[in-house]
Every structure is written in C-alpha cells, then in structure tokens.
Amino acid sequence: MPKVRKKVTQKETNMSPIAEVVWIDAIEIGDIGWNDLKDILKEARKPCPTMRTVGYVIYHGTDHISLLSTIGGEECSRMEKIPVQFIQSITYIRGVAPSN
C-alpha cells in the first residue's frame, strides 16, 4: 500500500520554530595525494571552525537537530542535520523545541 503523505498546511509552515545553532565543524585539511608534513602540522593545532546556522527546526532530538532554510506547503530546501556533540548553543528565535 503506498504511503500517504500528509500535506503541511500554511499555518503549520508559518508556525515552525526558528533557531540559531552555533556549532563546531569537523574539517579535513590537505589535498588528494601527498601533502607537506610541515604544513599539515601547522594546521593541526588550529581550532575547528565555529559555524552558525539559522533555520526552521523540523526535528530536535537527543542525538541531532534538523533544520531547513526554506519551507513551503509541499516543498522545502535541503535539510541540515547537526549532531548534538558538535553543538555549542541553540537559541530559539521563534517558538520552542518541537516535541518529536
């Protein structure tokens, strides 16, 4: 039996919580192939970058938060999932954490 998709109403879209998430990103340094060890050792001590993401919160659980930058009645942007271990802070700009 095909799965029936519930259409998100305009009211639900307008009421989605919006949050700013401050998080530390994991990065890779170096090119494919051989890299200069001296250059890599210099980069090793630098901190990982702090990122800020603002979006519609569609899920906020114990292991990650999921955000959309754009949401409509039947379409949306791509989803960003940020693991809680990366998160430094979450500030709800509108609404509160969804109870998923």
PDB file of N, CA and C in Angstrom:
ATOM      1  N   MET A   1       0.835  -1.168   0.000  1.00  0.00           N
ATOM      2  CA  MET A   1       0.000   0.000   0.000  1.00  0.00           C
ATOM      3  C   MET A   1       0.889   1.244   0.000  1.00  0.00           C
ATOM      4  N   PRO A   2       0.679   2.199  -0.901  1.00  0.00           N
ATOM      5  CA  PRO A   2       1.518   3.381  -0.948  1.00  0.00           C
ATOM      6  C   PRO A   2       1.344   4.236   0.308  1.00  0.00           C
ATOM      7  N   LYS A   3       2.464   4.867   0.692  1.00  0.00           N
ATOM      8  CA  LYS A   3       2.442   5.738   1.862  1.00  0.00           C
ATOM      9  C   LYS A   3       1.726   7.041   1.507  1.00  0.00           C
ATOM     10  N   VAL A   4       0.787   7.430   2.346  1.00  0.00           N
ATOM     11  CA  VAL A   4       0.045   8.674   2.128  1.00  0.00           C
ATOM     12  C   VAL A   4       0.800   9.796   2.825  1.00  0.00           C
ATOM     13  N   ARG A   5       1.161  10.822   2.054  1.00  0.00           N
ATOM     14  CA  ARG A   5       1.874  11.969   2.597  1.00  0.00           C
ATOM     15  C   ARG A   5       0.887  12.998   3.110  1.00  0.00           C
ATOM     16  N   LYS A   6       1.071  13.407   4.357  1.00  0.00           N
ATOM     17  CA  LYS A   6       0.211  14.453   4.924  1.00  0.00           C
ATOM     18  C   LYS A   6       0.683  15.788   4.381  1.00  0.00           C
ATOM     19  N   LYS A   7      -0.207  16.536   3.805  1.00  0.00           N
ATOM     20  CA  LYS A   7       0.127  17.860   3.308  1.00  0.00           C
ATOM     21  C   LYS A   7       0.300  18.802   4.494  1.00  0.00           C
ATOM     22  N   VAL A   8       1.414  19.529   4.509  1.00  0.00           N
ATOM     23  CA  VAL A   8       1.665  20.504   5.555  1.00  0.00           C
ATOM     24  C   VAL A   8       0.858  21.747   5.229  1.00  0.00           C
ATOM     25  N   THR A   9       0.089  22.211   6.195  1.00  0.00           N
ATOM     26  CA  THR A   9      -0.743  23.391   5.952  1.00  0.00           C
ATOM     27  C   THR A   9       0.100  24.658   6.061  1.00  0.00           C
ATOM     28  N   GLN A  10      -0.396  25.739   5.479  1.00  0.00           N
ATOM     29  CA  GLN A  10       0.304  27.025   5.544  1.00  0.00           C
ATOM     30  C   GLN A  10       0.464  27.464   6.998  1.00  0.00           C
ATOM     31  N   LYS A  11      -0.543  27.191   7.834  1.00  0.00           N
ATOM     32  CA  LYS A  11      -0.457  27.554   9.247  1.00  0.00           C
ATOM     33  C   LYS A  11       0.693  26.812   9.921  1.00  0.00           C
ATOM     34  N   GLU A  12       0.832  25.502   9.646  1.00  0.00           N
ATOM     35  CA  GLU A  12       1.928  24.726  10.235  1.00  0.00           C
ATOM     36  C   GLU A  12       3.279  25.258   9.765  1.00  0.00           C
ATOM     37  N   THR A  13       3.374  25.620   8.491  1.00  0.00           N
ATOM     38  CA  THR A  13       4.608  26.172   7.949  1.00  0.00           C
ATOM     39  C   THR A  13       4.956  27.476   8.647  1.00  0.00           C
ATOM     40  N   ASN A  14       3.972  28.346   8.814  1.00  0.00           N
ATOM     41  CA  ASN A  14       4.204  29.636   9.462  1.00  0.00           C
ATOM     42  C   ASN A  14       4.549  29.500  10.938  1.00  0.00           C
ATOM     43  N   MET A  15       4.173  28.401  11.570  1.00  0.00           N
ATOM     44  CA  MET A  15       4.389  28.222  12.997  1.00  0.00           C
ATOM     45  C   MET A  15       5.633  27.394  13.316  1.00  0.00           C
ATOM     46  N   SER A  16       6.374  26.953  12.318  1.00  0.00           N
ATOM     47  CA  SER A  16       7.584  26.177  12.577  1.00  0.00           C
ATOM     48  C   SER A  16       8.568  26.992  13.404  1.00  0.00           C
ATOM     49  N   PRO A  17       9.158  26.389  14.445  1.00  0.00           N
ATOM     50  CA  PRO A  17      10.135  27.112  15.248  1.00  0.00           C
ATOM     51  C   PRO A  17      11.351  27.503  14.390  1.00  0.00           C
ATOM     52  N   ILE A  18      11.941  28.621  14.714  1.00  0.00           N
ATOM     53  CA  ILE A  18      13.159  29.082  14.049  1.00  0.00           C
ATOM     54  C   ILE A  18      14.236  29.199  15.123  1.00  0.00           C
ATOM     55  N   ALA A  19      15.430  28.680  14.817  1.00  0.00           N
ATOM     56  CA  ALA A  19      16.512  28.711  15.797  1.00  0.00           C
ATOM     57  C   ALA A  19      17.843  29.035  15.137  1.00  0.00           C
ATOM     58  N   GLU A  20      18.758  29.578  15.955  1.00  0.00           N
ATOM     59  CA  GLU A  20      20.150  29.730  15.549  1.00  0.00           C
ATOM     60  C   GLU A  20      20.946  28.671  16.299  1.00  0.00           C
ATOM     61  N   VAL A  21      21.714  27.890  15.552  1.00  0.00           N
ATOM     62  CA  VAL A  21      22.547  26.846  16.139  1.00  0.00           C
ATOM     63  C   VAL A  21      24.004  27.249  15.939  1.00  0.00           C
ATOM     64  N   VAL A  22      24.760  27.316  17.031  1.00  0.00           N
ATOM     65  CA  VAL A  22      26.193  27.584  16.973  1.00  0.00           C
ATOM     66  C   VAL A  22      26.878  26.243  17.204  1.00  0.00           C
ATOM     67  N   TRP A  23      27.746  25.861  16.250  1.00  0.00           N
ATOM     68  CA  TRP A  23      28.328  24.526  16.319  1.00  0.00           C
ATOM     69  C   TRP A  23      29.762  24.527  15.785  1.00  0.00           C
ATOM     70  N   ILE A  24      30.509  23.521  16.195  1.00  0.00           N
ATOM     71  CA  ILE A  24      31.887  23.353  15.753  1.00  0.00           C
ATOM     72  C   ILE A  24      31.894  22.355  14.603  1.00  0.00           C
ATOM     73  N   ASP A  25      32.515  22.734  13.491  1.00  0.00           N
ATOM     74  CA  ASP A  25      32.539  21.889  12.303  1.00  0.00           C
ATOM     75  C   ASP A  25      33.773  20.984  12.310  1.00  0.00           C
ATOM     76  N   ALA A  26      33.617  19.790  11.800  1.00  0.00           N
ATOM     77  CA  ALA A  26      34.738  18.887  11.570  1.00  0.00           C
ATOM     78  C   ALA A  26      35.248  19.160  10.155  1.00  0.00           C
ATOM     79  N   ILE A  27      36.564  19.260   9.986  1.00  0.00           N
ATOM     80  CA  ILE A  27      37.113  19.572   8.669  1.00  0.00           C
ATOM     81  C   ILE A  27      38.253  18.632   8.322  1.00  0.00           C
ATOM     82  N   GLU A  28      38.577  18.580   7.048  1.00  0.00           N
ATOM     83  CA  GLU A  28      39.742  17.859   6.549  1.00  0.00           C
ATOM     84  C   GLU A  28      40.677  18.868   5.917  1.00  0.00           C
ATOM     85  N   ILE A  29      41.960  18.688   6.143  1.00  0.00           N
ATOM     86  CA  ILE A  29      42.975  19.569   5.574  1.00  0.00           C
ATOM     87  C   ILE A  29      43.890  18.735   4.681  1.00  0.00           C
ATOM     88  N   GLY A  30      44.181  19.238   3.499  1.00  0.00           N
ATOM     89  CA  GLY A  30      45.110  18.569   2.597  1.00  0.00           C
ATOM     90  C   GLY A  30      44.439  18.175   1.295  1.00  0.00           C
ATOM     91  N   ASP A  31      45.277  17.932   0.327  1.00  0.00           N
ATOM     92  CA  ASP A  31      44.813  17.540  -0.995  1.00  0.00           C
ATOM     93  C   ASP A  31      44.942  16.033  -1.171  1.00  0.00           C
ATOM     94  N   ILE A  32      44.329  15.507  -2.219  1.00  0.00           N
ATOM     95  CA  ILE A  32      44.494  14.100  -2.575  1.00  0.00           C
ATOM     96  C   ILE A  32      45.957  13.895  -2.947  1.00  0.00           C
ATOM     97  N   GLY A  33      46.523  12.823  -2.496  1.00  0.00           N
ATOM     98  CA  GLY A  33      47.942  12.567  -2.774  1.00  0.00           C
ATOM     99  C   GLY A  33      48.792  12.987  -1.596  1.00  0.00           C
ATOM    100  N   TRP A  34      50.060  13.270  -1.862  1.00  0.00           N
ATOM    101  CA  TRP A  34      50.996  13.615  -0.807  1.00  0.00           C
ATOM    102  C   TRP A  34      50.858  15.078  -0.406  1.00  0.00           C
ATOM    103  N   ASN A  35      50.996  15.320   0.906  1.00  0.00           N
ATOM    104  CA  ASN A  35      50.945  16.668   1.458  1.00  0.00           C
ATOM    105  C   ASN A  35      52.215  16.927   2.253  1.00  0.00           C
ATOM    106  N   ASP A  36      52.595  18.169   2.347  1.00  0.00           N
ATOM    107  CA  ASP A  36      53.782  18.562   3.097  1.00  0.00           C
ATOM    108  C   ASP A  36      53.491  18.442   4.591  1.00  0.00           C
ATOM    109  N   LEU A  37      54.244  17.586   5.276  1.00  0.00           N
ATOM    110  CA  LEU A  37      54.016  17.322   6.694  1.00  0.00           C
ATOM    111  C   LEU A  37      54.124  18.603   7.518  1.00  0.00           C
ATOM    112  N   LYS A  38      55.067  19.462   7.201  1.00  0.00           N
ATOM    113  CA  LYS A  38      55.254  20.715   7.934  1.00  0.00           C
ATOM    114  C   LYS A  38      53.979  21.580   7.859  1.00  0.00           C
ATOM    115  N   ASP A  39      53.380  21.664   6.674  1.00  0.00           N
ATOM    116  CA  ASP A  39      52.138  22.433   6.505  1.00  0.00           C
ATOM    117  C   ASP A  39      50.980  21.817   7.292  1.00  0.00           C
ATOM    118  N   ILE A  40      50.883  20.498   7.262  1.00  0.00           N
ATOM    119  CA  ILE A  40      49.809  19.804   7.977  1.00  0.00           C
ATOM    120  C   ILE A  40      49.969  19.985   9.486  1.00  0.00           C
ATOM    121  N   LEU A  41      51.197  19.907   9.994  1.00  0.00           N
ATOM    122  CA  LEU A  41      51.433  20.075  11.430  1.00  0.00           C
ATOM    123  C   LEU A  41      51.058  21.484  11.900  1.00  0.00           C
ATOM    124  N   LYS A  42      51.263  22.496  11.052  1.00  0.00           N
ATOM    125  CA  LYS A  42      50.850  23.864  11.392  1.00  0.00           C
ATOM    126  C   LYS A  42      49.323  23.933  11.532  1.00  0.00           C
ATOM    127  N   GLU A  43      48.613  23.294  10.627  1.00  0.00           N
ATOM    128  CA  GLU A  43      47.151  23.312  10.634  1.00  0.00           C
ATOM    129  C   GLU A  43      46.568  22.493  11.785  1.00  0.00           C
ATOM    130  N   ALA A  44      47.298  21.466  12.236  1.00  0.00           N
ATOM    131  CA  ALA A  44      46.784  20.541  13.261  1.00  0.00           C
ATOM    132  C   ALA A  44      46.439  21.245  14.568  1.00  0.00           C
ATOM    133  N   ARG A  45      47.169  22.278  14.923  1.00  0.00           N
ATOM    134  CA  ARG A  45      46.948  22.976  16.196  1.00  0.00           C
ATOM    135  C   ARG A  45      45.819  24.005  16.136  1.00  0.00           C
ATOM    136  N   LYS A  46      45.415  24.393  14.943  1.00  0.00           N
ATOM    137  CA  LYS A  46      44.355  25.384  14.801  1.00  0.00           C
ATOM    138  C   LYS A  46      43.010  24.777  15.202  1.00  0.00           C
ATOM    139  N   PRO A  47      42.148  25.581  15.845  1.00  0.00           N
ATOM    140  CA  PRO A  47      40.845  25.038  16.244  1.00  0.00           C
ATOM    141  C   PRO A  47      39.935  24.805  15.034  1.00  0.00           C
ATOM    142  N   CYS A  48      38.997  23.919  15.212  1.00  0.00           N
ATOM    143  CA  CYS A  48      37.978  23.705  14.179  1.00  0.00           C
ATOM    144  C   CYS A  48      37.121  24.970  14.090  1.00  0.00           C
ATOM    145  N   PRO A  49      36.561  25.253  12.908  1.00  0.00           N
ATOM    146  CA  PRO A  49      35.778  26.486  12.760  1.00  0.00           C
ATOM    147  C   PRO A  49      34.438  26.425  13.495  1.00  0.00           C
ATOM    148  N   THR A  50      34.053  27.586  14.035  1.00  0.00           N
ATOM    149  CA  THR A  50      32.734  27.737  14.647  1.00  0.00           C
ATOM    150  C   THR A  50      31.783  28.204  13.564  1.00  0.00           C
ATOM    151  N   MET A  51      30.662  27.501  13.429  1.00  0.00           N
ATOM    152  CA  MET A  51      29.667  27.799  12.400  1.00  0.00           C
ATOM    153  C   MET A  51      28.375  28.251  13.069  1.00  0.00           C
ATOM    154  N   ARG A  52      27.581  29.028  12.338  1.00  0.00           N
ATOM    155  CA  ARG A  52      26.260  29.475  12.806  1.00  0.00           C
ATOM    156  C   ARG A  52      25.247  29.148  11.720  1.00  0.00           C
ATOM    157  N   THR A  53      24.205  28.447  12.093  1.00  0.00           N
ATOM    158  CA  THR A  53      23.145  28.082  11.164  1.00  0.00           C
ATOM    159  C   THR A  53      21.819  28.565  11.725  1.00  0.00           C
ATOM    160  N   VAL A  54      21.021  29.233  10.887  1.00  0.00           N
ATOM    161  CA  VAL A  54      19.686  29.685  11.274  1.00  0.00           C
ATOM    162  C   VAL A  54      18.692  28.994  10.360  1.00  0.00           C
ATOM    163  N   GLY A  55      17.636  28.429  10.936  1.00  0.00           N
ATOM    164  CA  GLY A  55      16.654  27.762  10.094  1.00  0.00           C
ATOM    165  C   GLY A  55      15.417  27.310  10.841  1.00  0.00           C
ATOM    166  N   TYR A  56      14.503  26.743  10.056  1.00  0.00           N
ATOM    167  CA  TYR A  56      13.279  26.165  10.596  1.00  0.00           C
ATOM    168  C   TYR A  56      13.626  24.817  11.215  1.00  0.00           C
ATOM    169  N   VAL A  57      13.273  24.629  12.476  1.00  0.00           N
ATOM    170  CA  VAL A  57      13.581  23.385  13.178  1.00  0.00           C
ATOM    171  C   VAL A  57      12.470  22.386  12.892  1.00  0.00           C
ATOM    172  N   ILE A  58      12.828  21.296  12.196  1.00  0.00           N
ATOM    173  CA  ILE A  58      11.832  20.268  11.908  1.00  0.00           C
ATOM    174  C   ILE A  58      12.002  19.049  12.809  1.00  0.00           C
ATOM    175  N   TYR A  59      13.144  18.976  13.505  1.00  0.00           N
ATOM    176  CA  TYR A  59      13.380  17.903  14.471  1.00  0.00           C
ATOM    177  C   TYR A  59      14.460  18.372  15.437  1.00  0.00           C
ATOM    178  N   HIS A  60      14.259  18.126  16.733  1.00  0.00           N
ATOM    179  CA  HIS A  60      15.262  18.420  17.748  1.00  0.00           C
ATOM    180  C   HIS A  60      15.215  17.282  18.748  1.00  0.00           C
ATOM    181  N   GLY A  61      16.142  16.341  18.597  1.00  0.00           N
ATOM    182  CA  GLY A  61      16.158  15.156  19.444  1.00  0.00           C
ATOM    183  C   GLY A  61      17.398  15.102  20.307  1.00  0.00           C
ATOM    184  N   THR A  62      17.591  13.972  20.949  1.00  0.00           N
ATOM    185  CA  THR A  62      18.732  13.809  21.851  1.00  0.00           C
ATOM    186  C   THR A  62      20.047  13.605  21.105  1.00  0.00           C
ATOM    187  N   ASP A  63      19.987  13.215  19.819  1.00  0.00           N
ATOM    188  CA  ASP A  63      21.229  12.958  19.085  1.00  0.00           C
ATOM    189  C   ASP A  63      21.553  13.974  17.997  1.00  0.00           C
ATOM    190  N   HIS A  64      20.551  14.723  17.503  1.00  0.00           N
ATOM    191  CA  HIS A  64      20.803  15.732  16.473  1.00  0.00           C
ATOM    192  C   HIS A  64      19.631  16.713  16.353  1.00  0.00           C
ATOM    193  N   ILE A  65      19.897  17.792  15.627  1.00  0.00           N
ATOM    194  CA  ILE A  65      18.853  18.757  15.280  1.00  0.00           C
ATOM    195  C   ILE A  65      18.810  18.828  13.756  1.00  0.00           C
ATOM    196  N   SER A  66      17.605  18.942  13.184  1.00  0.00           N
ATOM    197  CA  SER A  66      17.426  19.030  11.731  1.00  0.00           C
ATOM    198  C   SER A  66      16.784  20.366  11.393  1.00  0.00           C
ATOM    199  N   LEU A  67      17.374  21.077  10.414  1.00  0.00           N
ATOM    200  CA  LEU A  67      16.927  22.416  10.037  1.00  0.00           C
ATOM    201  C   LEU A  67      16.701  22.518   8.540  1.00  0.00           C
ATOM    202  N   LEU A  68      15.762  23.382   8.168  1.00  0.00           N
ATOM    203  CA  LEU A  68      15.517  23.736   6.768  1.00  0.00           C
ATOM    204  C   LEU A  68      15.691  25.240   6.640  1.00  0.00           C
ATOM    205  N   SER A  69      16.262  25.697   5.525  1.00  0.00           N
ATOM    206  CA  SER A  69      16.357  27.142   5.310  1.00  0.00           C
ATOM    207  C   SER A  69      15.088  27.681   4.669  1.00  0.00           C
ATOM    208  N   THR A  70      14.378  26.817   3.941  1.00  0.00           N
ATOM    209  CA  THR A  70      13.161  27.218   3.242  1.00  0.00           C
ATOM    210  C   THR A  70      12.127  26.113   3.381  1.00  0.00           C
ATOM    211  N   ILE A  71      10.869  26.514   3.647  1.00  0.00           N
ATOM    212  CA  ILE A  71       9.815  25.514   3.794  1.00  0.00           C
ATOM    213  C   ILE A  71       8.527  26.049   3.178  1.00  0.00           C
ATOM    214  N   GLY A  72       7.812  25.180   2.476  1.00  0.00           N
ATOM    215  CA  GLY A  72       6.534  25.531   1.870  1.00  0.00           C
ATOM    216  C   GLY A  72       5.510  24.467   2.190  1.00  0.00           C
ATOM    217  N   GLY A  73       4.370  24.537   1.543  1.00  0.00           N
ATOM    218  CA  GLY A  73       3.302  23.580   1.795  1.00  0.00           C
ATOM    219  C   GLY A  73       3.656  22.161   1.390  1.00  0.00           C
ATOM    220  N   GLU A  74       4.355  21.999   0.264  1.00  0.00           N
ATOM    221  CA  GLU A  74       4.700  20.664  -0.219  1.00  0.00           C
ATOM    222  C   GLU A  74       6.168  20.518  -0.596  1.00  0.00           C
ATOM    223  N   GLU A  75       6.928  21.602  -0.532  1.00  0.00           N
ATOM    224  CA  GLU A  75       8.334  21.550  -0.917  1.00  0.00           C
ATOM    225  C   GLU A  75       9.185  22.239   0.146  1.00  0.00           C
ATOM    226  N   CYS A  76      10.477  21.910   0.122  1.00  0.00           N
ATOM    227  CA  CYS A  76      11.397  22.538   1.072  1.00  0.00           C
ATOM    228  C   CYS A  76      12.814  22.491   0.507  1.00  0.00           C
ATOM    229  N   SER A  77      13.705  23.203   1.182  1.00  0.00           N
ATOM    230  CA  SER A  77      15.121  23.183   0.818  1.00  0.00           C
ATOM    231  C   SER A  77      15.743  21.877   1.306  1.00  0.00           C
ATOM    232  N   ARG A  78      17.020  21.741   1.093  1.00  0.00           N
ATOM    233  CA  ARG A  78      17.693  20.557   1.639  1.00  0.00           C
ATOM    234  C   ARG A  78      17.781  20.684   3.152  1.00  0.00           C
ATOM    235  N   MET A  79      17.926  19.555   3.816  1.00  0.00           N
ATOM    236  CA  MET A  79      17.943  19.507   5.271  1.00  0.00           C
ATOM    237  C   MET A  79      19.381  19.479   5.780  1.00  0.00           C
ATOM    238  N   GLU A  80      19.624  20.207   6.868  1.00  0.00           N
ATOM    239  CA  GLU A  80      20.910  20.150   7.564  1.00  0.00           C
ATOM    240  C   GLU A  80      20.703  19.427   8.885  1.00  0.00           C
ATOM    241  N   LYS A  81      21.501  18.377   9.132  1.00  0.00           N
ATOM    242  CA  LYS A  81      21.447  17.640  10.391  1.00  0.00           C
ATOM    243  C   LYS A  81      22.762  17.890  11.116  1.00  0.00           C
ATOM    244  N   ILE A  82      22.668  18.402  12.344  1.00  0.00           N
ATOM    245  CA  ILE A  82      23.865  18.706  13.124  1.00  0.00           C
ATOM    246  C   ILE A  82      23.857  17.830  14.373  1.00  0.00           C
ATOM    247  N   PRO A  83      24.900  16.998  14.562  1.00  0.00           N
ATOM    248  CA  PRO A  83      24.961  16.152  15.756  1.00  0.00           C
ATOM    249  C   PRO A  83      25.074  16.999  17.030  1.00  0.00           C
ATOM    250  N   VAL A  84      24.437  16.570  18.097  1.00  0.00           N
ATOM    251  CA  VAL A  84      24.468  17.343  19.350  1.00  0.00           C
ATOM    252  C   VAL A  84      25.893  17.483  19.888  1.00  0.00           C
ATOM    253  N   GLN A  85      26.759  16.526  19.587  1.00  0.00           N
ATOM    254  CA  GLN A  85      28.136  16.608  20.067  1.00  0.00           C
ATOM    255  C   GLN A  85      28.882  17.798  19.461  1.00  0.00           C
ATOM    256  N   PHE A  86      28.422  18.297  18.311  1.00  0.00           N
ATOM    257  CA  PHE A  86      29.052  19.437  17.646  1.00  0.00           C
ATOM    258  C   PHE A  86      28.491  20.771  18.144  1.00  0.00           C
ATOM    259  N   ILE A  87      27.313  20.746  18.783  1.00  0.00           N
ATOM    260  CA  ILE A  87      26.570  21.965  19.114  1.00  0.00           C
ATOM    261  C   ILE A  87      27.106  22.638  20.385  1.00  0.00           C
ATOM    262  N   GLN A  88      27.337  23.962  20.275  1.00  0.00           N
ATOM    263  CA  GLN A  88      27.729  24.774  21.427  1.00  0.00           C
ATOM    264  C   GLN A  88      26.517  25.447  22.056  1.00  0.00           C
ATOM    265  N   SER A  89      25.579  25.928  21.211  1.00  0.00           N
ATOM    266  CA  SER A  89      24.375  26.560  21.755  1.00  0.00           C
ATOM    267  C   SER A  89      23.261  26.538  20.716  1.00  0.00           C
ATOM    268  N   ILE A  90      22.029  26.575  21.219  1.00  0.00           N
ATOM    269  CA  ILE A  90      20.835  26.699  20.380  1.00  0.00           C
ATOM    270  C   ILE A  90      19.986  27.801  20.981  1.00  0.00           C
ATOM    271  N   THR A  91      19.660  28.794  20.157  1.00  0.00           N
ATOM    272  CA  THR A  91      18.806  29.887  20.595  1.00  0.00           C
ATOM    273  C   THR A  91      17.553  29.878  19.744  1.00  0.00           C
ATOM    274  N   TYR A  92      16.411  29.659  20.382  1.00  0.00           N
ATOM    275  CA  TYR A  92      15.150  29.684  19.645  1.00  0.00           C
ATOM    276  C   TYR A  92      14.729  31.133  19.451  1.00  0.00           C
ATOM    277  N   ILE A  93      14.633  31.550  18.205  1.00  0.00           N
ATOM    278  CA  ILE A  93      14.259  32.911  17.832  1.00  0.00           C
ATOM    279  C   ILE A  93      12.737  33.038  17.838  1.00  0.00           C
ATOM    280  N   ARG A  94      12.078  31.969  17.397  1.00  0.00           N
ATOM    281  CA  ARG A  94      10.608  31.919  17.381  1.00  0.00           C
ATOM    282  C   ARG A  94      10.201  30.505  17.781  1.00  0.00           C
ATOM    283  N   GLY A  95       9.286  30.398  18.717  1.00  0.00           N
ATOM    284  CA  GLY A  95       8.782  29.091  19.123  1.00  0.00           C
ATOM    285  C   GLY A  95       9.735  28.402  20.094  1.00  0.00           C
ATOM    286  N   VAL A  96       9.457  27.121  20.339  1.00  0.00           N
ATOM    287  CA  VAL A  96      10.247  26.301  21.244  1.00  0.00           C
ATOM    288  C   VAL A  96      10.594  25.000  20.544  1.00  0.00           C
ATOM    289  N   ALA A  97      11.472  24.240  21.141  1.00  0.00           N
ATOM    290  CA  ALA A  97      11.888  22.958  20.569  1.00  0.00           C
ATOM    291  C   ALA A  97      10.679  22.075  20.342  1.00  0.00           C
ATOM    292  N   PRO A  98      10.567  21.490  19.117  1.00  0.00           N
ATOM    293  CA  PRO A  98       9.434  20.597  18.860  1.00  0.00           C
ATOM    294  C   PRO A  98       9.520  19.350  19.729  1.00  0.00           C
ATOM    295  N   SER A  99       8.393  18.818  20.114  1.00  0.00           N
ATOM    296  CA  SER A  99       8.361  17.584  20.906  1.00  0.00           C
ATOM    297  C   SER A  99       8.175  16.422  19.944  1.00  0.00           C
ATOM    298  N   ASN A 100       9.295  15.903  19.439  1.00  0.00           N
ATOM    299  CA  ASN A 100       9.260  14.805  18.445  1.00  0.00           C
ATOM    300  C   ASN A 100       9.302  13.475  19.139  1.00  0.00           C
TER     301      ASN A 100
END
